[in-house]
Amino acid sequence: MELWELLDIQKGVTAVIGGGGKTTLLRTLGESLCARGRVLLCTTTKIYPFPGIPLARSALALAALAGRPLVCAGTVLPETGKLTAPPVPLSQLTSSFDYILAEADGAAGHPLKAHVPHEPVIPPEARQVVTVVGASGFGRTVMEAAHRPERYAALCGAALADAVTPAMAAAVLRAEGLPGIVYINQVEDEASLADARALASALGRPVAAGSLHRGVWQRLEP
């Protein structure tokens, strides 16, 4: 099964949030979905450009790439080289692209993420949300594994020095009440698969889990 099928990605705008592989997930989905329609990769926060994928920095550049099935668009920040929002509003881009995948969160490279009030930056055009959880965070301390660690600890009733468990991750997800499907990435061995199963059980609902690095994934029932 293709990952887009497992995640039930529909046409329109999909927001990807969380930690532990959002950018890789965008690329993986984009490269698969472009066989089904035009795909745009973008952000509502900040991301680096995708190597090998055409980048449109302006409305004129977007028009010039009209024949390309997979495109990235964003405004370049000269000081970092990162991209911010596309040069054309998403409300207009939906008429030019079948699928728009928007990274709508930042995690500073951490596998886990808790949100403060202004996060995530889910665009109003989004029809669905995918929350990524990095399994590499399990067993590490909250301080090490989580972006916004104080917030993460508060949401799951833990201390910063406590090792993150699947039950703690599920408590954070429940407390935040974000919509959409959960995808547990970085499931590289039997131990991390067991953690992913435990997270699904603690959430009480199905999740998707797998390894973007290895190109394998599956649905896990609670």
C-alpha atoms as a PDB file:
ATOM      1  CA  MET A   1       0.000   0.000   0.000  1.00  0.00           C
ATOM      2  CA  GLU A   2       1.258   3.468  -0.868  1.00  0.00           C
ATOM      3  CA  LEU A   3       1.769   5.802   2.079  1.00  0.00           C
ATOM      4  CA  TRP A   4      -0.733   8.304   0.724  1.00  0.00           C
ATOM      5  CA  GLU A   5      -3.347   5.541   0.747  1.00  0.00           C
ATOM      6  CA  LEU A   6      -2.513   4.561   4.312  1.00  0.00           C
ATOM      7  CA  LEU A   7      -2.820   8.184   5.413  1.00  0.00           C
ATOM      8  CA  ASP A   8      -5.915   8.677   3.224  1.00  0.00           C
ATOM      9  CA  ILE A   9      -4.503  11.827   1.606  1.00  0.00           C
ATOM     10  CA  GLN A  10      -7.255  13.543  -0.359  1.00  0.00           C
ATOM     11  CA  LYS A  11      -7.039  16.226  -3.010  1.00  0.00           C
ATOM     12  CA  GLY A  12      -6.682  19.732  -1.651  1.00  0.00           C
ATOM     13  CA  VAL A  13      -4.496  21.039   1.160  1.00  0.00           C
ATOM     14  CA  THR A  14      -2.974  18.708   3.759  1.00  0.00           C
ATOM     15  CA  ALA A  15      -1.123  20.148   6.762  1.00  0.00           C
ATOM     16  CA  VAL A  16       1.718  18.129   8.299  1.00  0.00           C
ATOM     17  CA  ILE A  17       2.639  18.890  11.917  1.00  0.00           C
ATOM     18  CA  GLY A  18       4.590  17.381  14.828  1.00  0.00           C
ATOM     19  CA  GLY A  19       8.213  16.201  14.828  1.00  0.00           C
ATOM     20  CA  GLY A  20      10.423  13.398  13.639  1.00  0.00           C
ATOM     21  CA  GLY A  21      10.222  13.515   9.856  1.00  0.00           C
ATOM     22  CA  LYS A  22       7.733  16.087   8.558  1.00  0.00           C
ATOM     23  CA  THR A  23       9.912  17.285   5.691  1.00  0.00           C
ATOM     24  CA  THR A  24      10.778  13.741   4.619  1.00  0.00           C
ATOM     25  CA  LEU A  25       7.092  12.850   4.777  1.00  0.00           C
ATOM     26  CA  LEU A  26       6.241  15.763   2.478  1.00  0.00           C
ATOM     27  CA  ARG A  27       8.803  14.619  -0.073  1.00  0.00           C
ATOM     28  CA  THR A  28       7.744  10.957   0.141  1.00  0.00           C
ATOM     29  CA  LEU A  29       4.088  11.804  -0.341  1.00  0.00           C
ATOM     30  CA  GLY A  30       4.837  14.322  -3.083  1.00  0.00           C
ATOM     31  CA  GLU A  31       6.908  11.887  -5.126  1.00  0.00           C
ATOM     32  CA  SER A  32       4.127   9.305  -4.901  1.00  0.00           C
ATOM     33  CA  LEU A  33       1.140  11.580  -5.446  1.00  0.00           C
ATOM     34  CA  CYS A  34       2.580  13.347  -8.498  1.00  0.00           C
ATOM     35  CA  ALA A  35       1.631  10.276 -10.531  1.00  0.00           C
ATOM     36  CA  ARG A  36      -2.002  11.129  -9.694  1.00  0.00           C
ATOM     37  CA  GLY A  37      -1.960  14.893 -10.182  1.00  0.00           C
ATOM     38  CA  ARG A  38       0.055  18.062  -9.706  1.00  0.00           C
ATOM     39  CA  VAL A  39       1.629  18.412  -6.268  1.00  0.00           C
ATOM     40  CA  LEU A  40       2.919  21.477  -4.457  1.00  0.00           C
ATOM     41  CA  LEU A  41       5.207  21.267  -1.420  1.00  0.00           C
ATOM     42  CA  CYS A  42       5.250  24.349   0.795  1.00  0.00           C
ATOM     43  CA  THR A  43       5.152  25.614   4.371  1.00  0.00           C
ATOM     44  CA  THR A  44       3.279  27.983   6.648  1.00  0.00           C
ATOM     45  CA  THR A  45       6.376  28.246   8.868  1.00  0.00           C
ATOM     46  CA  LYS A  46       9.954  27.658   7.645  1.00  0.00           C
ATOM     47  CA  ILE A  47      11.589  24.782   5.752  1.00  0.00           C
ATOM     48  CA  TYR A  48      14.661  24.253   3.629  1.00  0.00           C
ATOM     49  CA  PRO A  49      14.165  23.758  -0.131  1.00  0.00           C
ATOM     50  CA  PHE A  50      13.915  20.192  -1.384  1.00  0.00           C
ATOM     51  CA  PRO A  51      17.029  19.168  -3.374  1.00  0.00           C
ATOM     52  CA  GLY A  52      16.131  18.105  -6.898  1.00  0.00           C
ATOM     53  CA  ILE A  53      12.588  19.497  -6.795  1.00  0.00           C
ATOM     54  CA  PRO A  54      11.923  22.667  -8.826  1.00  0.00           C
ATOM     55  CA  LEU A  55      11.574  25.717  -6.573  1.00  0.00           C
ATOM     56  CA  ALA A  56       9.344  28.687  -7.370  1.00  0.00           C
ATOM     57  CA  ARG A  57      10.303  31.833  -5.487  1.00  0.00           C
ATOM     58  CA  SER A  58       7.739  34.084  -7.190  1.00  0.00           C
ATOM     59  CA  ALA A  59       4.359  34.015  -8.889  1.00  0.00           C
ATOM     60  CA  LEU A  60       6.155  34.339 -12.235  1.00  0.00           C
ATOM     61  CA  ALA A  61       8.335  31.316 -11.448  1.00  0.00           C
ATOM     62  CA  LEU A  62       5.259  29.311 -10.470  1.00  0.00           C
ATOM     63  CA  ALA A  63       3.673  30.097 -13.826  1.00  0.00           C
ATOM     64  CA  ALA A  64       6.858  29.035 -15.618  1.00  0.00           C
ATOM     65  CA  LEU A  65       6.694  25.637 -13.873  1.00  0.00           C
ATOM     66  CA  ALA A  66       3.107  24.990 -14.900  1.00  0.00           C
ATOM     67  CA  GLY A  67       4.024  21.756 -16.677  1.00  0.00           C
ATOM     68  CA  ARG A  68       5.897  20.212 -13.756  1.00  0.00           C
ATOM     69  CA  PRO A  69       4.076  17.523 -11.734  1.00  0.00           C
ATOM     70  CA  LEU A  70       5.953  18.220  -8.480  1.00  0.00           C
ATOM     71  CA  VAL A  71       6.958  21.715  -7.399  1.00  0.00           C
ATOM     72  CA  CYS A  72       8.090  23.465  -4.226  1.00  0.00           C
ATOM     73  CA  ALA A  73       7.149  27.107  -3.637  1.00  0.00           C
ATOM     74  CA  GLY A  74       8.224  29.592  -1.016  1.00  0.00           C
ATOM     75  CA  THR A  75       9.805  32.931  -0.274  1.00  0.00           C
ATOM     76  CA  VAL A  76      13.510  32.572   0.480  1.00  0.00           C
ATOM     77  CA  LEU A  77      14.946  34.073   3.664  1.00  0.00           C
ATOM     78  CA  PRO A  78      18.425  35.309   2.632  1.00  0.00           C
ATOM     79  CA  GLU A  79      19.909  34.963   6.107  1.00  0.00           C
ATOM     80  CA  THR A  80      19.132  31.239   6.422  1.00  0.00           C
ATOM     81  CA  GLY A  81      18.191  29.989   2.965  1.00  0.00           C
ATOM     82  CA  LYS A  82      14.958  28.642   4.406  1.00  0.00           C
ATOM     83  CA  LEU A  83      11.576  29.113   2.753  1.00  0.00           C
ATOM     84  CA  THR A  84       8.524  30.750   4.200  1.00  0.00           C
ATOM     85  CA  ALA A  85       4.993  30.790   2.765  1.00  0.00           C
ATOM     86  CA  PRO A  86       4.494  30.589  -1.015  1.00  0.00           C
ATOM     87  CA  PRO A  87       4.466  33.839  -3.000  1.00  0.00           C
ATOM     88  CA  VAL A  88       0.839  33.144  -3.967  1.00  0.00           C
ATOM     89  CA  PRO A  89      -1.906  32.516  -1.360  1.00  0.00           C
ATOM     90  CA  LEU A  90      -2.938  28.879  -0.902  1.00  0.00           C
ATOM     91  CA  SER A  91      -6.518  29.851  -1.672  1.00  0.00           C
ATOM     92  CA  GLN A  92      -5.379  30.655  -5.215  1.00  0.00           C
ATOM     93  CA  LEU A  93      -2.966  27.732  -5.587  1.00  0.00           C
ATOM     94  CA  THR A  94      -5.703  25.155  -5.023  1.00  0.00           C
ATOM     95  CA  SER A  95      -6.924  25.808  -8.560  1.00  0.00           C
ATOM     96  CA  SER A  96      -3.492  24.981 -10.023  1.00  0.00           C
ATOM     97  CA  PHE A  97      -2.506  21.949  -7.924  1.00  0.00           C
ATOM     98  CA  ASP A  98      -4.396  18.761  -7.145  1.00  0.00           C
ATOM     99  CA  TYR A  99      -2.489  18.217  -3.909  1.00  0.00           C
ATOM    100  CA  ILE A 100      -0.869  20.824  -1.683  1.00  0.00           C
ATOM    101  CA  LEU A 101       1.253  19.478   1.168  1.00  0.00           C
ATOM    102  CA  ALA A 102       2.126  22.154   3.720  1.00  0.00           C
ATOM    103  CA  GLU A 103       4.533  21.736   6.597  1.00  0.00           C
ATOM    104  CA  ALA A 104       2.689  23.662   9.284  1.00  0.00           C
ATOM    105  CA  ASP A 105       4.896  23.223  12.329  1.00  0.00           C
ATOM    106  CA  GLY A 106       8.474  23.485  13.512  1.00  0.00           C
ATOM    107  CA  ALA A 107      10.209  21.096  15.904  1.00  0.00           C
ATOM    108  CA  ALA A 108      13.865  22.239  15.718  1.00  0.00           C
ATOM    109  CA  GLY A 109      14.941  18.715  14.777  1.00  0.00           C
ATOM    110  CA  HIS A 110      13.279  17.036  17.756  1.00  0.00           C
ATOM    111  CA  PRO A 111      11.236  13.839  17.336  1.00  0.00           C
ATOM    112  CA  LEU A 112       8.446  15.026  19.652  1.00  0.00           C
ATOM    113  CA  LYS A 113       6.568  18.304  19.871  1.00  0.00           C
ATOM    114  CA  ALA A 114       4.165  20.124  22.150  1.00  0.00           C
ATOM    115  CA  HIS A 115       2.458  23.287  20.986  1.00  0.00           C
ATOM    116  CA  VAL A 116       2.123  26.756  22.425  1.00  0.00           C
ATOM    117  CA  PRO A 117      -0.972  28.842  21.596  1.00  0.00           C
ATOM    118  CA  HIS A 118       0.255  30.216  18.252  1.00  0.00           C
ATOM    119  CA  GLU A 119       1.135  26.710  16.978  1.00  0.00           C
ATOM    120  CA  PRO A 120       0.674  24.831  14.733  1.00  0.00           C
ATOM    121  CA  VAL A 121       0.046  27.172  11.810  1.00  0.00           C
ATOM    122  CA  ILE A 122      -2.621  25.107  10.057  1.00  0.00           C
ATOM    123  CA  PRO A 123      -3.902  27.011   7.008  1.00  0.00           C
ATOM    124  CA  PRO A 124      -7.671  27.556   6.807  1.00  0.00           C
ATOM    125  CA  GLU A 125      -7.679  25.785   3.436  1.00  0.00           C
ATOM    126  CA  ALA A 126      -6.459  22.502   4.985  1.00  0.00           C
ATOM    127  CA  ARG A 127      -8.839  19.600   4.520  1.00  0.00           C
ATOM    128  CA  GLN A 128      -6.824  17.247   6.695  1.00  0.00           C
ATOM    129  CA  VAL A 129      -3.947  17.137   9.162  1.00  0.00           C
ATOM    130  CA  VAL A 130      -1.216  14.530   9.672  1.00  0.00           C
ATOM    131  CA  THR A 131       0.591  14.615  13.027  1.00  0.00           C
ATOM    132  CA  VAL A 132       4.050  13.037  12.936  1.00  0.00           C
ATOM    133  CA  VAL A 133       5.522  11.432  16.058  1.00  0.00           C
ATOM    134  CA  GLY A 134       9.171  10.346  16.021  1.00  0.00           C
ATOM    135  CA  ALA A 135       9.632   6.984  17.721  1.00  0.00           C
ATOM    136  CA  SER A 136      13.288   7.843  18.378  1.00  0.00           C
ATOM    137  CA  GLY A 137      12.001  10.056  21.197  1.00  0.00           C
ATOM    138  CA  PHE A 138      10.811   7.120  23.288  1.00  0.00           C
ATOM    139  CA  GLY A 139      13.192   6.305  26.123  1.00  0.00           C
ATOM    140  CA  ARG A 140      14.898   9.695  25.965  1.00  0.00           C
ATOM    141  CA  THR A 141      14.188  12.410  28.506  1.00  0.00           C
ATOM    142  CA  VAL A 142      11.509  14.979  27.828  1.00  0.00           C
ATOM    143  CA  MET A 143      14.214  17.651  27.775  1.00  0.00           C
ATOM    144  CA  GLU A 144      16.184  15.780  25.114  1.00  0.00           C
ATOM    145  CA  ALA A 145      13.354  14.518  22.921  1.00  0.00           C
ATOM    146  CA  ALA A 146      10.703  17.238  22.875  1.00  0.00           C
ATOM    147  CA  HIS A 147      10.483  20.654  21.329  1.00  0.00           C
ATOM    148  CA  ARG A 148       8.806  22.929  23.896  1.00  0.00           C
ATOM    149  CA  PRO A 149       9.856  20.453  26.627  1.00  0.00           C
ATOM    150  CA  GLU A 150       8.276  22.379  29.513  1.00  0.00           C
ATOM    151  CA  ARG A 151       4.950  22.357  27.704  1.00  0.00           C
ATOM    152  CA  TYR A 152       5.328  18.677  26.808  1.00  0.00           C
ATOM    153  CA  ALA A 153       6.042  17.758  30.424  1.00  0.00           C
ATOM    154  CA  ALA A 154       3.080  19.767  31.678  1.00  0.00           C
ATOM    155  CA  LEU A 155       0.667  18.134  29.227  1.00  0.00           C
ATOM    156  CA  CYS A 156       1.625  14.595  30.240  1.00  0.00           C
ATOM    157  CA  GLY A 157       2.260  15.223  33.939  1.00  0.00           C
ATOM    158  CA  ALA A 158       5.971  14.409  33.768  1.00  0.00           C
ATOM    159  CA  ALA A 159       9.264  15.954  34.789  1.00  0.00           C
ATOM    160  CA  LEU A 160      11.815  17.181  32.279  1.00  0.00           C
ATOM    161  CA  ALA A 161      14.184  14.401  33.347  1.00  0.00           C
ATOM    162  CA  ASP A 162      11.592  11.631  32.878  1.00  0.00           C
ATOM    163  CA  ALA A 163      12.030   9.220  29.964  1.00  0.00           C
ATOM    164  CA  VAL A 164       9.277   9.569  27.392  1.00  0.00           C
ATOM    165  CA  THR A 165       6.920   6.588  27.137  1.00  0.00           C
ATOM    166  CA  PRO A 166       4.227   5.863  24.528  1.00  0.00           C
ATOM    167  CA  ALA A 167       1.604   6.570  27.212  1.00  0.00           C
ATOM    168  CA  MET A 168       3.108  10.022  27.783  1.00  0.00           C
ATOM    169  CA  ALA A 169       3.111  10.749  24.049  1.00  0.00           C
ATOM    170  CA  ALA A 170      -0.529   9.665  23.847  1.00  0.00           C
ATOM    171  CA  ALA A 171      -1.390  11.949  26.771  1.00  0.00           C
ATOM    172  CA  VAL A 172       0.118  14.927  24.937  1.00  0.00           C
ATOM    173  CA  LEU A 173      -1.767  14.091  21.737  1.00  0.00           C
ATOM    174  CA  ARG A 174      -5.041  13.738  23.639  1.00  0.00           C
ATOM    175  CA  ALA A 175      -4.478  16.956  25.589  1.00  0.00           C
ATOM    176  CA  GLU A 176      -3.826  18.948  22.438  1.00  0.00           C
ATOM    177  CA  GLY A 177      -6.841  17.494  20.647  1.00  0.00           C
ATOM    178  CA  LEU A 178      -5.469  18.179  17.181  1.00  0.00           C
ATOM    179  CA  PRO A 179      -7.454  16.777  14.248  1.00  0.00           C
ATOM    180  CA  GLY A 180      -6.384  14.173  11.720  1.00  0.00           C
ATOM    181  CA  ILE A 181      -4.339  11.013  11.639  1.00  0.00           C
ATOM    182  CA  VAL A 182      -1.184  10.194  13.609  1.00  0.00           C
ATOM    183  CA  TYR A 183       1.824   8.834  11.746  1.00  0.00           C
ATOM    184  CA  ILE A 184       4.569   7.342  13.936  1.00  0.00           C
ATOM    185  CA  ASN A 185       7.845   7.593  12.055  1.00  0.00           C
ATOM    186  CA  GLN A 186      11.301   6.192  12.848  1.00  0.00           C
ATOM    187  CA  VAL A 187       9.934   2.698  13.554  1.00  0.00           C
ATOM    188  CA  GLU A 188      13.167   0.910  12.689  1.00  0.00           C
ATOM    189  CA  ASP A 189      13.087  -2.290  14.783  1.00  0.00           C
ATOM    190  CA  GLU A 190      10.893  -4.533  16.918  1.00  0.00           C
ATOM    191  CA  ALA A 191      11.369  -2.388  20.008  1.00  0.00           C
ATOM    192  CA  SER A 192      10.177   0.794  18.294  1.00  0.00           C
ATOM    193  CA  LEU A 193       7.311  -1.140  16.682  1.00  0.00           C
ATOM    194  CA  ALA A 194       6.249  -2.277  20.152  1.00  0.00           C
ATOM    195  CA  ASP A 195       6.344   1.361  21.281  1.00  0.00           C
ATOM    196  CA  ALA A 196       4.199   2.351  18.298  1.00  0.00           C
ATOM    197  CA  ARG A 197       1.667  -0.351  19.153  1.00  0.00           C
ATOM    198  CA  ALA A 198       1.613   0.863  22.752  1.00  0.00           C
ATOM    199  CA  LEU A 199       0.943   4.423  21.569  1.00  0.00           C
ATOM    200  CA  ALA A 200      -1.964   3.250  19.403  1.00  0.00           C
ATOM    201  CA  SER A 201      -3.364   1.328  22.377  1.00  0.00           C
ATOM    202  CA  ALA A 202      -3.001   4.316  24.698  1.00  0.00           C
ATOM    203  CA  LEU A 203      -4.717   6.594  22.163  1.00  0.00           C
ATOM    204  CA  GLY A 204      -7.515   4.097  21.649  1.00  0.00           C
ATOM    205  CA  ARG A 205      -7.610   4.601  17.912  1.00  0.00           C
ATOM    206  CA  PRO A 206      -5.738   3.380  14.827  1.00  0.00           C
ATOM    207  CA  VAL A 207      -2.488   5.031  13.816  1.00  0.00           C
ATOM    208  CA  ALA A 208      -0.108   4.659  10.891  1.00  0.00           C
ATOM    209  CA  ALA A 209       3.463   3.681  11.687  1.00  0.00           C
ATOM    210  CA  GLY A 210       6.630   2.959   9.781  1.00  0.00           C
ATOM    211  CA  SER A 211       9.997   4.101   8.578  1.00  0.00           C
ATOM    212  CA  LEU A 212      10.313   6.758   5.897  1.00  0.00           C
ATOM    213  CA  HIS A 213      14.011   5.889   5.773  1.00  0.00           C
ATOM    214  CA  ARG A 214      13.281   2.253   4.860  1.00  0.00           C
ATOM    215  CA  GLY A 215      10.083   2.893   2.904  1.00  0.00           C
ATOM    216  CA  VAL A 216       7.874   0.603   5.002  1.00  0.00           C
ATOM    217  CA  TRP A 217       4.664   1.409   6.883  1.00  0.00           C
ATOM    218  CA  GLN A 218       1.481  -0.158   8.219  1.00  0.00           C
ATOM    219  CA  ARG A 219      -1.742   0.517  10.068  1.00  0.00           C
ATOM    220  CA  LEU A 220      -1.762  -0.318  13.770  1.00  0.00           C
ATOM    221  CA  GLU A 221      -4.996  -0.976  15.591  1.00  0.00           C
ATOM    222  CA  PRO A 222      -5.422  -0.003  19.284  1.00  0.00           C
END
